[in-house]
Amino acid sequence: MVHAGVFLTVNMAIGLITPPVGINLYVGCKAGEVSVAEICRKIVPFLIAGIVSLLLITYVEPISMFLPRLFGQA
């Protein structure tokens, strides 16, 4: 259950920064007074890093379970 929670949380974080529904994307654009198109081009490296980390978390379970096991919670 802990692994599924970590996986879902990272997945939702990626979803919140991708258009067309990414609410954090629009909040950042409004706060920084820049266009969505400009931000979308600059967010690509972060999106790639997020997807790579999501793949690692999904398929290499010890990565996401390290801290819970360290503290004896899982």
PDB file of N, CA and C in Angstrom:
ATOM      1  N   MET A   1       0.807  -1.202   0.000  1.00  0.00           N
ATOM      2  CA  MET A   1       0.000   0.000   0.000  1.00  0.00           C
ATOM      3  C   MET A   1       0.855   1.273   0.000  1.00  0.00           C
ATOM      4  N   VAL A   2       1.960   1.245   0.705  1.00  0.00           N
ATOM      5  CA  VAL A   2       2.836   2.422   0.736  1.00  0.00           C
ATOM      6  C   VAL A   2       3.414   2.678  -0.652  1.00  0.00           C
ATOM      7  N   HIS A   3       3.833   1.622  -1.312  1.00  0.00           N
ATOM      8  CA  HIS A   3       4.402   1.753  -2.658  1.00  0.00           C
ATOM      9  C   HIS A   3       3.367   2.332  -3.615  1.00  0.00           C
ATOM     10  N   ALA A   4       2.133   1.881  -3.537  1.00  0.00           N
ATOM     11  CA  ALA A   4       1.073   2.404  -4.389  1.00  0.00           C
ATOM     12  C   ALA A   4       0.814   3.881  -4.090  1.00  0.00           C
ATOM     13  N   GLY A   5       0.864   4.265  -2.834  1.00  0.00           N
ATOM     14  CA  GLY A   5       0.667   5.658  -2.468  1.00  0.00           C
ATOM     15  C   GLY A   5       1.749   6.570  -3.014  1.00  0.00           C
ATOM     16  N   VAL A   6       2.991   6.114  -2.949  1.00  0.00           N
ATOM     17  CA  VAL A   6       4.103   6.900  -3.498  1.00  0.00           C
ATOM     18  C   VAL A   6       3.962   7.024  -5.005  1.00  0.00           C
ATOM     19  N   PHE A   7       3.650   5.915  -5.651  1.00  0.00           N
ATOM     20  CA  PHE A   7       3.471   5.906  -7.103  1.00  0.00           C
ATOM     21  C   PHE A   7       2.358   6.869  -7.526  1.00  0.00           C
ATOM     22  N   LEU A   8       1.217   6.807  -6.849  1.00  0.00           N
ATOM     23  CA  LEU A   8       0.098   7.676  -7.206  1.00  0.00           C
ATOM     24  C   LEU A   8       0.395   9.146  -6.929  1.00  0.00           C
ATOM     25  N   THR A   9       1.110   9.434  -5.849  1.00  0.00           N
ATOM     26  CA  THR A   9       1.443  10.819  -5.526  1.00  0.00           C
ATOM     27  C   THR A   9       2.374  11.431  -6.576  1.00  0.00           C
ATOM     28  N   VAL A  10       3.383  10.693  -6.985  1.00  0.00           N
ATOM     29  CA  VAL A  10       4.305  11.195  -8.018  1.00  0.00           C
ATOM     30  C   VAL A  10       3.577  11.352  -9.344  1.00  0.00           C
ATOM     31  N   ASN A  11       2.714  10.400  -9.654  1.00  0.00           N
ATOM     32  CA  ASN A  11       1.947  10.470 -10.894  1.00  0.00           C
ATOM     33  C   ASN A  11       1.041  11.704 -10.913  1.00  0.00           C
ATOM     34  N   MET A  12       0.383  12.001  -9.814  1.00  0.00           N
ATOM     35  CA  MET A  12      -0.479  13.181  -9.747  1.00  0.00           C
ATOM     36  C   MET A  12       0.325  14.475  -9.807  1.00  0.00           C
ATOM     37  N   ALA A  13       1.527  14.476  -9.232  1.00  0.00           N
ATOM     38  CA  ALA A  13       2.379  15.667  -9.303  1.00  0.00           C
ATOM     39  C   ALA A  13       2.767  15.965 -10.741  1.00  0.00           C
ATOM     40  N   ILE A  14       3.050  14.932 -11.511  1.00  0.00           N
ATOM     41  CA  ILE A  14       3.372  15.124 -12.925  1.00  0.00           C
ATOM     42  C   ILE A  14       2.140  15.642 -13.660  1.00  0.00           C
ATOM     43  N   GLY A  15       0.982  15.110 -13.335  1.00  0.00           N
ATOM     44  CA  GLY A  15      -0.245  15.544 -13.983  1.00  0.00           C
ATOM     45  C   GLY A  15      -0.597  16.994 -13.700  1.00  0.00           C
ATOM     46  N   LEU A  16      -0.188  17.514 -12.562  1.00  0.00           N
ATOM     47  CA  LEU A  16      -0.517  18.894 -12.212  1.00  0.00           C
ATOM     48  C   LEU A  16       0.360  19.925 -12.911  1.00  0.00           C
ATOM     49  N   ILE A  17       1.406  19.476 -13.604  1.00  0.00           N
ATOM     50  CA  ILE A  17       2.251  20.445 -14.319  1.00  0.00           C
ATOM     51  C   ILE A  17       2.192  20.266 -15.830  1.00  0.00           C
ATOM     52  N   THR A  18       1.290  19.407 -16.312  1.00  0.00           N
ATOM     53  CA  THR A  18       1.188  19.192 -17.754  1.00  0.00           C
ATOM     54  C   THR A  18      -0.134  19.737 -18.281  1.00  0.00           C
ATOM     55  N   PRO A  19      -0.083  20.391 -19.439  1.00  0.00           N
ATOM     56  CA  PRO A  19      -1.327  20.894 -20.027  1.00  0.00           C
ATOM     57  C   PRO A  19      -2.162  19.742 -20.563  1.00  0.00           C
ATOM     58  N   PRO A  20      -3.414  19.872 -20.755  1.00  0.00           N
ATOM     59  CA  PRO A  20      -4.270  21.054 -20.668  1.00  0.00           C
ATOM     60  C   PRO A  20      -4.901  21.255 -19.295  1.00  0.00           C
ATOM     61  N   VAL A  21      -4.761  20.296 -18.381  1.00  0.00           N
ATOM     62  CA  VAL A  21      -5.454  20.399 -17.103  1.00  0.00           C
ATOM     63  C   VAL A  21      -4.532  20.860 -15.979  1.00  0.00           C
ATOM     64  N   GLY A  22      -3.246  20.965 -16.212  1.00  0.00           N
ATOM     65  CA  GLY A  22      -2.271  21.240 -15.168  1.00  0.00           C
ATOM     66  C   GLY A  22      -2.491  22.554 -14.459  1.00  0.00           C
ATOM     67  N   ILE A  23      -3.189  22.489 -13.344  1.00  0.00           N
ATOM     68  CA  ILE A  23      -3.550  23.694 -12.605  1.00  0.00           C
ATOM     69  C   ILE A  23      -2.316  24.416 -12.076  1.00  0.00           C
ATOM     70  N   ASN A  24      -1.294  23.670 -11.662  1.00  0.00           N
ATOM     71  CA  ASN A  24      -0.063  24.317 -11.182  1.00  0.00           C
ATOM     72  C   ASN A  24       0.637  25.072 -12.296  1.00  0.00           C
ATOM     73  N   LEU A  25       0.505  24.599 -13.502  1.00  0.00           N
ATOM     74  CA  LEU A  25       1.086  25.286 -14.663  1.00  0.00           C
ATOM     75  C   LEU A  25       0.448  26.660 -14.836  1.00  0.00           C
ATOM     76  N   TYR A  26      -0.867  26.716 -14.752  1.00  0.00           N
ATOM     77  CA  TYR A  26      -1.564  27.991 -14.939  1.00  0.00           C
ATOM     78  C   TYR A  26      -1.331  28.944 -13.767  1.00  0.00           C
ATOM     79  N   VAL A  27      -1.229  28.412 -12.575  1.00  0.00           N
ATOM     80  CA  VAL A  27      -0.929  29.258 -11.414  1.00  0.00           C
ATOM     81  C   VAL A  27       0.468  29.860 -11.558  1.00  0.00           C
ATOM     82  N   GLY A  28       1.428  29.044 -11.983  1.00  0.00           N
ATOM     83  CA  GLY A  28       2.792  29.540 -12.195  1.00  0.00           C
ATOM     84  C   GLY A  28       2.858  30.588 -13.285  1.00  0.00           C
ATOM     85  N   CYS A  29       2.084  30.401 -14.351  1.00  0.00           N
ATOM     86  CA  CYS A  29       2.060  31.385 -15.438  1.00  0.00           C
ATOM     87  C   CYS A  29       1.490  32.713 -14.952  1.00  0.00           C
ATOM     88  N   LYS A  30       0.441  32.650 -14.180  1.00  0.00           N
ATOM     89  CA  LYS A  30      -0.163  33.883 -13.670  1.00  0.00           C
ATOM     90  C   LYS A  30       0.768  34.579 -12.678  1.00  0.00           C
ATOM     91  N   ALA A  31       1.413  33.812 -11.816  1.00  0.00           N
ATOM     92  CA  ALA A  31       2.316  34.411 -10.823  1.00  0.00           C
ATOM     93  C   ALA A  31       3.547  35.020 -11.480  1.00  0.00           C
ATOM     94  N   GLY A  32       4.050  34.348 -12.515  1.00  0.00           N
ATOM     95  CA  GLY A  32       5.245  34.850 -13.184  1.00  0.00           C
ATOM     96  C   GLY A  32       4.965  35.776 -14.340  1.00  0.00           C
ATOM     97  N   GLU A  33       3.687  35.988 -14.640  1.00  0.00           N
ATOM     98  CA  GLU A  33       3.250  36.846 -15.731  1.00  0.00           C
ATOM     99  C   GLU A  33       3.912  36.474 -17.051  1.00  0.00           C
ATOM    100  N   VAL A  34       3.876  35.188 -17.378  1.00  0.00           N
ATOM    101  CA  VAL A  34       4.387  34.685 -18.654  1.00  0.00           C
ATOM    102  C   VAL A  34       3.297  33.854 -19.320  1.00  0.00           C
ATOM    103  N   SER A  35       3.491  33.563 -20.605  1.00  0.00           N
ATOM    104  CA  SER A  35       2.479  32.801 -21.335  1.00  0.00           C
ATOM    105  C   SER A  35       2.638  31.306 -21.076  1.00  0.00           C
ATOM    106  N   VAL A  36       1.562  30.581 -21.297  1.00  0.00           N
ATOM    107  CA  VAL A  36       1.579  29.137 -21.109  1.00  0.00           C
ATOM    108  C   VAL A  36       2.536  28.489 -22.105  1.00  0.00           C
ATOM    109  N   ALA A  37       2.569  28.981 -23.331  1.00  0.00           N
ATOM    110  CA  ALA A  37       3.458  28.417 -24.347  1.00  0.00           C
ATOM    111  C   ALA A  37       4.929  28.553 -23.945  1.00  0.00           C
ATOM    112  N   GLU A  38       5.277  29.674 -23.355  1.00  0.00           N
ATOM    113  CA  GLU A  38       6.660  29.893 -22.928  1.00  0.00           C
ATOM    114  C   GLU A  38       7.045  28.942 -21.792  1.00  0.00           C
ATOM    115  N   ILE A  39       6.143  28.763 -20.849  1.00  0.00           N
ATOM    116  CA  ILE A  39       6.408  27.857 -19.733  1.00  0.00           C
ATOM    117  C   ILE A  39       6.467  26.409 -20.203  1.00  0.00           C
ATOM    118  N   CYS A  40       5.592  26.047 -21.138  1.00  0.00           N
ATOM    119  CA  CYS A  40       5.556  24.657 -21.615  1.00  0.00           C
ATOM    120  C   CYS A  40       6.881  24.248 -22.247  1.00  0.00           C
ATOM    121  N   ARG A  41       7.511  25.155 -22.948  1.00  0.00           N
ATOM    122  CA  ARG A  41       8.819  24.838 -23.536  1.00  0.00           C
ATOM    123  C   ARG A  41       9.889  24.653 -22.464  1.00  0.00           C
ATOM    124  N   LYS A  42       9.821  25.432 -21.411  1.00  0.00           N
ATOM    125  CA  LYS A  42      10.844  25.365 -20.368  1.00  0.00           C
ATOM    126  C   LYS A  42      10.599  24.251 -19.360  1.00  0.00           C
ATOM    127  N   ILE A  43       9.414  23.683 -19.350  1.00  0.00           N
ATOM    128  CA  ILE A  43       9.086  22.647 -18.376  1.00  0.00           C
ATOM    129  C   ILE A  43       9.469  21.247 -18.871  1.00  0.00           C
ATOM    130  N   VAL A  44       9.819  21.122 -20.135  1.00  0.00           N
ATOM    131  CA  VAL A  44      10.120  19.808 -20.726  1.00  0.00           C
ATOM    132  C   VAL A  44      11.212  19.049 -19.968  1.00  0.00           C
ATOM    133  N   PRO A  45      12.350  19.653 -19.602  1.00  0.00           N
ATOM    134  CA  PRO A  45      13.356  18.881 -18.850  1.00  0.00           C
ATOM    135  C   PRO A  45      12.833  18.366 -17.504  1.00  0.00           C
ATOM    136  N   PHE A  46      12.030  19.161 -16.832  1.00  0.00           N
ATOM    137  CA  PHE A  46      11.461  18.732 -15.560  1.00  0.00           C
ATOM    138  C   PHE A  46      10.442  17.618 -15.760  1.00  0.00           C
ATOM    139  N   LEU A  47       9.703  17.697 -16.845  1.00  0.00           N
ATOM    140  CA  LEU A  47       8.735  16.658 -17.165  1.00  0.00           C
ATOM    141  C   LEU A  47       9.434  15.339 -17.474  1.00  0.00           C
ATOM    142  N   ILE A  48      10.509  15.393 -18.226  1.00  0.00           N
ATOM    143  CA  ILE A  48      11.280  14.179 -18.534  1.00  0.00           C
ATOM    144  C   ILE A  48      11.858  13.587 -17.252  1.00  0.00           C
ATOM    145  N   ALA A  49      12.411  14.431 -16.395  1.00  0.00           N
ATOM    146  CA  ALA A  49      12.952  13.940 -15.120  1.00  0.00           C
ATOM    147  C   ALA A  49      11.855  13.329 -14.256  1.00  0.00           C
ATOM    148  N   GLY A  50      10.682  13.917 -14.263  1.00  0.00           N
ATOM    149  CA  GLY A  50       9.568  13.379 -13.494  1.00  0.00           C
ATOM    150  C   GLY A  50       9.106  12.025 -14.013  1.00  0.00           C
ATOM    151  N   ILE A  51       9.064  11.886 -15.327  1.00  0.00           N
ATOM    152  CA  ILE A  51       8.645  10.612 -15.912  1.00  0.00           C
ATOM    153  C   ILE A  51       9.678   9.530 -15.653  1.00  0.00           C
ATOM    154  N   VAL A  52      10.957   9.868 -15.756  1.00  0.00           N
ATOM    155  CA  VAL A  52      12.015   8.890 -15.463  1.00  0.00           C
ATOM    156  C   VAL A  52      11.944   8.457 -13.997  1.00  0.00           C
ATOM    157  N   SER A  53      11.756   9.424 -13.104  1.00  0.00           N
ATOM    158  CA  SER A  53      11.662   9.052 -11.685  1.00  0.00           C
ATOM    159  C   SER A  53      10.406   8.233 -11.410  1.00  0.00           C
ATOM    160  N   LEU A  54       9.309   8.532 -12.097  1.00  0.00           N
ATOM    161  CA  LEU A  54       8.097   7.738 -11.939  1.00  0.00           C
ATOM    162  C   LEU A  54       8.315   6.306 -12.409  1.00  0.00           C
ATOM    163  N   LEU A  55       9.006   6.136 -13.528  1.00  0.00           N
ATOM    164  CA  LEU A  55       9.309   4.786 -14.004  1.00  0.00           C
ATOM    165  C   LEU A  55      10.189   4.030 -13.015  1.00  0.00           C
ATOM    166  N   LEU A  56      11.180   4.711 -12.460  1.00  0.00           N
ATOM    167  CA  LEU A  56      12.040   4.062 -11.474  1.00  0.00           C
ATOM    168  C   LEU A  56      11.266   3.685 -10.215  1.00  0.00           C
ATOM    169  N   ILE A  57      10.421   4.582  -9.742  1.00  0.00           N
ATOM    170  CA  ILE A  57       9.629   4.296  -8.550  1.00  0.00           C
ATOM    171  C   ILE A  57       8.664   3.148  -8.801  1.00  0.00           C
ATOM    172  N   THR A  58       8.110   3.107  -9.988  1.00  0.00           N
ATOM    173  CA  THR A  58       7.126   2.076 -10.306  1.00  0.00           C
ATOM    174  C   THR A  58       7.755   0.698 -10.404  1.00  0.00           C
ATOM    175  N   TYR A  59       8.882   0.594 -11.090  1.00  0.00           N
ATOM    176  CA  TYR A  59       9.443  -0.718 -11.398  1.00  0.00           C
ATOM    177  C   TYR A  59      10.573  -1.160 -10.474  1.00  0.00           C
ATOM    178  N   VAL A  60      11.117  -0.247  -9.684  1.00  0.00           N
ATOM    179  CA  VAL A  60      12.171  -0.603  -8.727  1.00  0.00           C
ATOM    180  C   VAL A  60      11.622  -0.246  -7.341  1.00  0.00           C
ATOM    181  N   GLU A  61      10.898  -1.179  -6.759  1.00  0.00           N
ATOM    182  CA  GLU A  61      10.179  -0.937  -5.520  1.00  0.00           C
ATOM    183  C   GLU A  61      11.058  -0.509  -4.342  1.00  0.00           C
ATOM    184  N   PRO A  62      12.285  -1.013  -4.180  1.00  0.00           N
ATOM    185  CA  PRO A  62      13.107  -0.573  -3.041  1.00  0.00           C
ATOM    186  C   PRO A  62      13.395   0.933  -3.002  1.00  0.00           C
ATOM    187  N   ILE A  63      13.317   1.613  -4.143  1.00  0.00           N
ATOM    188  CA  ILE A  63      13.548   3.065  -4.146  1.00  0.00           C
ATOM    189  C   ILE A  63      12.484   3.772  -3.317  1.00  0.00           C
ATOM    190  N   SER A  64      11.227   3.417  -3.537  1.00  0.00           N
ATOM    191  CA  SER A  64      10.155   4.107  -2.818  1.00  0.00           C
ATOM    192  C   SER A  64       9.953   3.565  -1.409  1.00  0.00           C
ATOM    193  N   MET A  65      10.475   2.387  -1.114  1.00  0.00           N
ATOM    194  CA  MET A  65      10.260   1.784   0.194  1.00  0.00           C
ATOM    195  C   MET A  65      11.460   1.929   1.129  1.00  0.00           C
ATOM    196  N   PHE A  66      12.495   2.639   0.709  1.00  0.00           N
ATOM    197  CA  PHE A  66      13.696   2.771   1.519  1.00  0.00           C
ATOM    198  C   PHE A  66      13.416   3.420   2.873  1.00  0.00           C
ATOM    199  N   LEU A  67      12.820   4.613   2.852  1.00  0.00           N
ATOM    200  CA  LEU A  67      12.567   5.323   4.117  1.00  0.00           C
ATOM    201  C   LEU A  67      11.542   4.618   5.001  1.00  0.00           C
ATOM    202  N   PRO A  68      10.419   4.128   4.461  1.00  0.00           N
ATOM    203  CA  PRO A  68       9.498   3.403   5.355  1.00  0.00           C
ATOM    204  C   PRO A  68      10.142   2.183   6.006  1.00  0.00           C
ATOM    205  N   ARG A  69      10.969   1.467   5.264  1.00  0.00           N
ATOM    206  CA  ARG A  69      11.642   0.305   5.857  1.00  0.00           C
ATOM    207  C   ARG A  69      12.702   0.738   6.863  1.00  0.00           C
ATOM    208  N   LEU A  70      13.345   1.852   6.609  1.00  0.00           N
ATOM    209  CA  LEU A  70      14.360   2.357   7.523  1.00  0.00           C
ATOM    210  C   LEU A  70      13.742   2.677   8.891  1.00  0.00           C
ATOM    211  N   PHE A  71      12.546   3.226   8.880  1.00  0.00           N
ATOM    212  CA  PHE A  71      11.888   3.595  10.118  1.00  0.00           C
ATOM    213  C   PHE A  71      10.930   2.524  10.629  1.00  0.00           C
ATOM    214  N   GLY A  72      10.932   1.364   9.972  1.00  0.00           N
ATOM    215  CA  GLY A  72      10.145   0.237  10.433  1.00  0.00           C
ATOM    216  C   GLY A  72       8.654   0.377  10.235  1.00  0.00           C
ATOM    217  N   GLN A  73       8.231   1.141   9.261  1.00  0.00           N
ATOM    218  CA  GLN A  73       6.813   1.343   9.027  1.00  0.00           C
ATOM    219  C   GLN A  73       6.231   0.401   7.979  1.00  0.00           C
ATOM    220  N   ALA A  74       7.065  -0.309   7.241  1.00  0.00           N
ATOM    221  CA  ALA A  74       6.526  -1.196   6.195  1.00  0.00           C
ATOM    222  C   ALA A  74       7.090  -2.586   6.329  1.00  0.00           C
TER     223      ALA A  74
END
